[in-house]
Amino acid sequence: MRGAGAGGAVRRLLAVGMVSMLAQVVLLRECAVASFGTELVVVLALGAWMLGTAAGALLERRARVPGDSTVRWTFVALGVLVPAAVAWARGARAV
């Protein structure tokens, strides 16, 4: 994605947010399937995400626009970690 200035950064951050939400939905569904629909697992997964979000907000309190390289590395990390997490959740089903 190319963009100049703050408008381009906003579009890139919006794209990261959309991909992150999609990944969270997929992982939550995989955890629900792996636990055979047990509601406790869904609640624990949502709680872990909320705690992780709160920890990230506390660690970085100041508002700043990340640079291009930070956004690129975020996409790379999502591209590697999301499939690995889905594979882990599917493997947990066999246990």
C-alpha atoms as a PDB file:
ATOM      1  CA  MET A   1       0.000   0.000   0.000  1.00  0.00           C
ATOM      2  CA  ARG A   2       1.421   3.331  -0.940  1.00  0.00           C
ATOM      3  CA  GLY A   3       0.332   6.615   0.503  1.00  0.00           C
ATOM      4  CA  ALA A   4       1.804   9.948   1.360  1.00  0.00           C
ATOM      5  CA  GLY A   5       1.604  11.531   4.758  1.00  0.00           C
ATOM      6  CA  ALA A   6      -0.855  10.838   7.520  1.00  0.00           C
ATOM      7  CA  GLY A   7      -3.591   9.672   5.120  1.00  0.00           C
ATOM      8  CA  GLY A   8      -1.427   6.807   3.900  1.00  0.00           C
ATOM      9  CA  ALA A   9      -0.528   5.838   7.453  1.00  0.00           C
ATOM     10  CA  VAL A  10      -4.191   5.797   8.429  1.00  0.00           C
ATOM     11  CA  ARG A  11      -5.027   3.507   5.496  1.00  0.00           C
ATOM     12  CA  ARG A  12      -2.185   1.156   6.399  1.00  0.00           C
ATOM     13  CA  LEU A  13      -3.234   1.043  10.047  1.00  0.00           C
ATOM     14  CA  LEU A  14      -6.834   0.419   9.000  1.00  0.00           C
ATOM     15  CA  ALA A  15      -5.656  -2.517   6.888  1.00  0.00           C
ATOM     16  CA  VAL A  16      -3.633  -3.933   9.811  1.00  0.00           C
ATOM     17  CA  GLY A  17      -6.690  -3.609  12.045  1.00  0.00           C
ATOM     18  CA  MET A  18      -8.938  -5.379   9.546  1.00  0.00           C
ATOM     19  CA  VAL A  19      -6.485  -8.252   9.094  1.00  0.00           C
ATOM     20  CA  SER A  20      -6.087  -8.515  12.877  1.00  0.00           C
ATOM     21  CA  MET A  21      -9.849  -8.709  13.424  1.00  0.00           C
ATOM     22  CA  LEU A  22     -10.181 -11.384  10.764  1.00  0.00           C
ATOM     23  CA  ALA A  23      -7.364 -13.361  12.376  1.00  0.00           C
ATOM     24  CA  GLN A  24      -9.017 -13.087  15.797  1.00  0.00           C
ATOM     25  CA  VAL A  25     -12.330 -14.393  14.461  1.00  0.00           C
ATOM     26  CA  VAL A  26     -10.613 -17.337  12.753  1.00  0.00           C
ATOM     27  CA  LEU A  27      -8.599 -18.199  15.868  1.00  0.00           C
ATOM     28  CA  LEU A  28     -11.635 -17.918  18.133  1.00  0.00           C
ATOM     29  CA  ARG A  29     -13.597 -20.254  15.863  1.00  0.00           C
ATOM     30  CA  GLU A  30     -10.702 -22.725  15.768  1.00  0.00           C
ATOM     31  CA  CYS A  31     -10.464 -22.680  19.573  1.00  0.00           C
ATOM     32  CA  ALA A  32     -14.216 -23.275  19.829  1.00  0.00           C
ATOM     33  CA  VAL A  33     -13.985 -26.218  17.420  1.00  0.00           C
ATOM     34  CA  ALA A  34     -10.927 -27.633  19.191  1.00  0.00           C
ATOM     35  CA  SER A  35     -12.755 -27.544  22.523  1.00  0.00           C
ATOM     36  CA  PHE A  36     -15.924 -29.020  21.009  1.00  0.00           C
ATOM     37  CA  GLY A  37     -17.861 -25.815  21.641  1.00  0.00           C
ATOM     38  CA  THR A  38     -17.091 -25.453  25.334  1.00  0.00           C
ATOM     39  CA  GLU A  39     -18.073 -21.932  26.321  1.00  0.00           C
ATOM     40  CA  LEU A  40     -15.356 -21.699  28.969  1.00  0.00           C
ATOM     41  CA  VAL A  41     -12.663 -21.837  26.281  1.00  0.00           C
ATOM     42  CA  VAL A  42     -14.354 -19.040  24.335  1.00  0.00           C
ATOM     43  CA  VAL A  43     -14.534 -16.887  27.485  1.00  0.00           C
ATOM     44  CA  LEU A  44     -10.890 -17.592  28.345  1.00  0.00           C
ATOM     45  CA  ALA A  45      -9.788 -16.757  24.794  1.00  0.00           C
ATOM     46  CA  LEU A  46     -11.696 -13.466  24.805  1.00  0.00           C
ATOM     47  CA  GLY A  47     -10.285 -12.639  28.229  1.00  0.00           C
ATOM     48  CA  ALA A  48      -6.741 -13.317  27.039  1.00  0.00           C
ATOM     49  CA  TRP A  49      -7.240 -11.014  24.050  1.00  0.00           C
ATOM     50  CA  MET A  50      -8.660  -8.271  26.262  1.00  0.00           C
ATOM     51  CA  LEU A  51      -5.735  -8.569  28.695  1.00  0.00           C
ATOM     52  CA  GLY A  52      -3.275  -8.496  25.800  1.00  0.00           C
ATOM     53  CA  THR A  53      -4.930  -5.385  24.389  1.00  0.00           C
ATOM     54  CA  ALA A  54      -4.835  -3.693  27.784  1.00  0.00           C
ATOM     55  CA  ALA A  55      -1.171  -4.609  28.248  1.00  0.00           C
ATOM     56  CA  GLY A  56      -0.309  -3.188  24.841  1.00  0.00           C
ATOM     57  CA  ALA A  57      -2.181   0.024  25.615  1.00  0.00           C
ATOM     58  CA  LEU A  58      -0.363   0.385  28.931  1.00  0.00           C
ATOM     59  CA  LEU A  59       3.049  -0.250  27.391  1.00  0.00           C
ATOM     60  CA  GLU A  60       2.602   2.381  24.707  1.00  0.00           C
ATOM     61  CA  ARG A  61       0.653   5.251  26.227  1.00  0.00           C
ATOM     62  CA  ARG A  62       1.714   8.028  23.921  1.00  0.00           C
ATOM     63  CA  ALA A  63      -0.048   8.433  20.610  1.00  0.00           C
ATOM     64  CA  ARG A  64       2.197   8.179  17.597  1.00  0.00           C
ATOM     65  CA  VAL A  65       1.933   7.129  13.987  1.00  0.00           C
ATOM     66  CA  PRO A  66       4.169   4.128  13.257  1.00  0.00           C
ATOM     67  CA  GLY A  67       6.581   4.288  10.369  1.00  0.00           C
ATOM     68  CA  ASP A  68       6.355   2.344   7.142  1.00  0.00           C
ATOM     69  CA  SER A  69       8.821  -0.306   8.271  1.00  0.00           C
ATOM     70  CA  THR A  70       6.864  -0.937  11.483  1.00  0.00           C
ATOM     71  CA  VAL A  71       3.649  -1.496   9.549  1.00  0.00           C
ATOM     72  CA  ARG A  72       5.431  -3.766   7.060  1.00  0.00           C
ATOM     73  CA  TRP A  73       6.892  -5.888   9.852  1.00  0.00           C
ATOM     74  CA  THR A  74       3.467  -6.071  11.479  1.00  0.00           C
ATOM     75  CA  PHE A  75       2.054  -7.553   8.258  1.00  0.00           C
ATOM     76  CA  VAL A  76       4.969 -10.014   8.077  1.00  0.00           C
ATOM     77  CA  ALA A  77       4.383 -11.041  11.696  1.00  0.00           C
ATOM     78  CA  LEU A  78       0.664 -11.534  11.032  1.00  0.00           C
ATOM     79  CA  GLY A  79       1.460 -13.570   7.951  1.00  0.00           C
ATOM     80  CA  VAL A  80       3.652 -15.927   9.969  1.00  0.00           C
ATOM     81  CA  LEU A  81       1.924 -16.038  13.350  1.00  0.00           C
ATOM     82  CA  VAL A  82      -1.711 -16.401  12.268  1.00  0.00           C
ATOM     83  CA  PRO A  83      -1.219 -19.587  10.211  1.00  0.00           C
ATOM     84  CA  ALA A  84       0.978 -20.995  12.991  1.00  0.00           C
ATOM     85  CA  ALA A  85      -1.714 -20.258  15.585  1.00  0.00           C
ATOM     86  CA  VAL A  86      -4.423 -21.839  13.409  1.00  0.00           C
ATOM     87  CA  ALA A  87      -2.255 -24.928  12.941  1.00  0.00           C
ATOM     88  CA  TRP A  88      -1.699 -25.079  16.713  1.00  0.00           C
ATOM     89  CA  ALA A  89      -5.446 -24.800  17.387  1.00  0.00           C
ATOM     90  CA  ARG A  90      -6.216 -27.541  14.859  1.00  0.00           C
ATOM     91  CA  GLY A  91      -3.496 -29.732  16.395  1.00  0.00           C
ATOM     92  CA  ALA A  92      -4.950 -29.169  19.862  1.00  0.00           C
ATOM     93  CA  ARG A  93      -8.166 -30.765  18.628  1.00  0.00           C
ATOM     94  CA  ALA A  94      -6.361 -34.109  18.288  1.00  0.00           C
ATOM     95  CA  VAL A  95      -5.165 -34.095  21.910  1.00  0.00           C
END
